[in-house]
Amino acid sequence: MGDLKITLTRSLIGQKPSIRKTAIALGLKRPNKSIIRKDTPYIRGMIRKVSFMVKVEEL
């Protein structure tokens, strides 16, 4: 399994609390900021929950 580059494309303002907490747990706090995480099923599930507001690239 490789790495994933995850970029927050939309603001967390106005989102449901569960969506906000999931994004923050991923390490996403500000729009247009990117993080790199290992590609695991746990991370993929979190990405699926916030898929409408992130962009994911495989490294």
N, C-alpha and C. Protein backbone atom coordinates (compact mmCIF):
# COMPACT_ATOMS: atom_id res chain seq x y z
N MET A 1 0.83 -1.18 0.00
CA MET A 1 0.00 0.00 0.00
C MET A 1 0.88 1.24 0.00
N GLY A 2 0.47 2.23 -0.80
CA GLY A 2 1.25 3.45 -0.95
C GLY A 2 0.74 4.56 -0.06
N ASP A 3 1.01 5.76 -0.50
CA ASP A 3 0.58 6.95 0.22
C ASP A 3 -0.49 7.67 -0.57
N LEU A 4 -1.30 8.46 0.14
CA LEU A 4 -2.34 9.27 -0.47
C LEU A 4 -2.10 10.73 -0.11
N LYS A 5 -2.24 11.60 -1.10
CA LYS A 5 -2.19 13.04 -0.86
C LYS A 5 -3.64 13.52 -0.86
N ILE A 6 -4.08 14.05 0.28
CA ILE A 6 -5.47 14.47 0.45
C ILE A 6 -5.50 15.98 0.60
N THR A 7 -6.32 16.64 -0.23
CA THR A 7 -6.43 18.10 -0.21
C THR A 7 -7.87 18.49 0.09
N LEU A 8 -8.05 19.37 1.05
CA LEU A 8 -9.38 19.88 1.39
C LEU A 8 -9.75 20.95 0.37
N THR A 9 -10.85 20.76 -0.36
CA THR A 9 -11.23 21.69 -1.42
C THR A 9 -12.36 22.63 -1.01
N ARG A 10 -13.07 22.31 0.05
CA ARG A 10 -14.17 23.15 0.53
C ARG A 10 -13.96 23.46 2.01
N SER A 11 -14.59 24.53 2.45
CA SER A 11 -14.48 24.95 3.85
C SER A 11 -15.30 24.03 4.76
N LEU A 12 -14.89 23.95 6.01
CA LEU A 12 -15.62 23.17 7.01
C LEU A 12 -16.78 23.95 7.61
N ILE A 13 -16.84 25.25 7.32
CA ILE A 13 -17.91 26.09 7.86
C ILE A 13 -19.26 25.63 7.30
N GLY A 14 -20.21 25.42 8.18
CA GLY A 14 -21.55 25.03 7.77
C GLY A 14 -21.75 23.54 7.57
N GLN A 15 -20.71 22.74 7.78
CA GLN A 15 -20.84 21.29 7.62
C GLN A 15 -21.37 20.67 8.92
N LYS A 16 -21.93 19.49 8.81
CA LYS A 16 -22.42 18.77 9.98
C LYS A 16 -21.25 18.45 10.90
N PRO A 17 -21.50 18.38 12.20
CA PRO A 17 -20.41 18.11 13.15
C PRO A 17 -19.65 16.82 12.87
N SER A 18 -20.34 15.76 12.42
CA SER A 18 -19.64 14.50 12.16
C SER A 18 -18.69 14.64 10.97
N ILE A 19 -19.07 15.44 9.97
CA ILE A 19 -18.20 15.67 8.81
C ILE A 19 -16.99 16.49 9.24
N ARG A 20 -17.21 17.52 10.04
CA ARG A 20 -16.11 18.36 10.53
C ARG A 20 -15.11 17.54 11.33
N LYS A 21 -15.62 16.69 12.23
CA LYS A 21 -14.73 15.88 13.08
C LYS A 21 -13.94 14.89 12.25
N THR A 22 -14.55 14.32 11.22
CA THR A 22 -13.84 13.38 10.36
C THR A 22 -12.72 14.09 9.60
N ALA A 23 -13.00 15.26 9.07
CA ALA A 23 -11.98 16.02 8.34
C ALA A 23 -10.83 16.41 9.27
N ILE A 24 -11.15 16.85 10.46
CA ILE A 24 -10.11 17.24 11.42
C ILE A 24 -9.30 16.02 11.85
N ALA A 25 -9.96 14.87 12.01
CA ALA A 25 -9.25 13.64 12.37
C ALA A 25 -8.27 13.22 11.27
N LEU A 26 -8.61 13.53 10.02
CA LEU A 26 -7.68 13.26 8.93
C LEU A 26 -6.50 14.22 8.95
N GLY A 27 -6.67 15.37 9.60
CA GLY A 27 -5.60 16.37 9.66
C GLY A 27 -5.87 17.55 8.75
N LEU A 28 -7.10 17.65 8.24
CA LEU A 28 -7.47 18.73 7.34
C LEU A 28 -8.15 19.83 8.13
N LYS A 29 -7.54 21.01 8.14
CA LYS A 29 -8.10 22.11 8.92
C LYS A 29 -8.44 23.31 8.07
N ARG A 30 -7.70 23.55 7.00
CA ARG A 30 -7.93 24.72 6.16
C ARG A 30 -8.08 24.32 4.70
N PRO A 31 -8.92 25.04 3.96
CA PRO A 31 -9.07 24.73 2.53
C PRO A 31 -7.75 24.89 1.77
N ASN A 32 -7.58 24.06 0.76
CA ASN A 32 -6.41 24.05 -0.13
C ASN A 32 -5.12 23.64 0.56
N LYS A 33 -5.21 23.05 1.73
CA LYS A 33 -4.04 22.49 2.39
C LYS A 33 -4.04 20.98 2.18
N SER A 34 -2.86 20.41 2.00
CA SER A 34 -2.74 18.98 1.72
C SER A 34 -2.01 18.26 2.84
N ILE A 35 -2.34 16.99 2.97
CA ILE A 35 -1.65 16.11 3.91
C ILE A 35 -1.33 14.82 3.18
N ILE A 36 -0.40 14.06 3.72
CA ILE A 36 -0.06 12.76 3.16
C ILE A 36 -0.30 11.71 4.24
N ARG A 37 -1.08 10.71 3.89
CA ARG A 37 -1.41 9.61 4.81
C ARG A 37 -1.15 8.28 4.12
N LYS A 38 -0.91 7.26 4.91
CA LYS A 38 -0.77 5.90 4.38
C LYS A 38 -2.12 5.42 3.86
N ASP A 39 -2.10 4.62 2.82
CA ASP A 39 -3.33 4.09 2.22
C ASP A 39 -3.76 2.85 3.00
N THR A 40 -4.68 3.05 3.95
CA THR A 40 -5.21 1.95 4.74
C THR A 40 -6.74 1.95 4.62
N PRO A 41 -7.39 0.84 4.92
CA PRO A 41 -8.85 0.81 4.86
C PRO A 41 -9.50 1.83 5.80
N TYR A 42 -8.88 2.09 6.94
CA TYR A 42 -9.40 3.06 7.90
C TYR A 42 -9.41 4.46 7.30
N ILE A 43 -8.31 4.85 6.67
CA ILE A 43 -8.21 6.17 6.03
C ILE A 43 -9.15 6.25 4.83
N ARG A 44 -9.25 5.17 4.05
CA ARG A 44 -10.16 5.16 2.89
C ARG A 44 -11.62 5.38 3.33
N GLY A 45 -12.01 4.80 4.46
CA GLY A 45 -13.36 4.99 4.97
C GLY A 45 -13.61 6.43 5.38
N MET A 46 -12.61 7.07 5.99
CA MET A 46 -12.74 8.47 6.37
C MET A 46 -12.84 9.35 5.13
N ILE A 47 -12.05 9.03 4.11
CA ILE A 47 -12.09 9.79 2.85
C ILE A 47 -13.46 9.64 2.20
N ARG A 48 -14.01 8.44 2.22
CA ARG A 48 -15.32 8.20 1.62
C ARG A 48 -16.39 9.07 2.28
N LYS A 49 -16.28 9.27 3.59
CA LYS A 49 -17.28 10.07 4.30
C LYS A 49 -17.21 11.55 3.90
N VAL A 50 -16.02 12.06 3.62
CA VAL A 50 -15.87 13.47 3.25
C VAL A 50 -15.49 13.63 1.78
N SER A 51 -15.87 12.66 0.95
CA SER A 51 -15.44 12.63 -0.45
C SER A 51 -15.89 13.84 -1.25
N PHE A 52 -17.01 14.46 -0.87
CA PHE A 52 -17.52 15.60 -1.62
C PHE A 52 -16.72 16.88 -1.38
N MET A 53 -15.80 16.86 -0.42
CA MET A 53 -15.04 18.07 -0.13
C MET A 53 -13.53 17.86 -0.13
N VAL A 54 -13.05 16.72 -0.64
CA VAL A 54 -11.62 16.49 -0.73
C VAL A 54 -11.23 16.02 -2.13
N LYS A 55 -9.96 16.20 -2.43
CA LYS A 55 -9.37 15.67 -3.66
C LYS A 55 -8.26 14.73 -3.23
N VAL A 56 -8.24 13.53 -3.80
CA VAL A 56 -7.28 12.50 -3.38
C VAL A 56 -6.41 12.12 -4.56
N GLU A 57 -5.09 12.06 -4.33
CA GLU A 57 -4.13 11.63 -5.34
C GLU A 57 -3.27 10.52 -4.74
N GLU A 58 -2.98 9.51 -5.54
CA GLU A 58 -2.09 8.45 -5.09
C GLU A 58 -0.66 8.82 -5.41
N LEU A 59 0.24 8.60 -4.46
CA LEU A 59 1.66 8.91 -4.67
C LEU A 59 2.45 7.65 -4.96
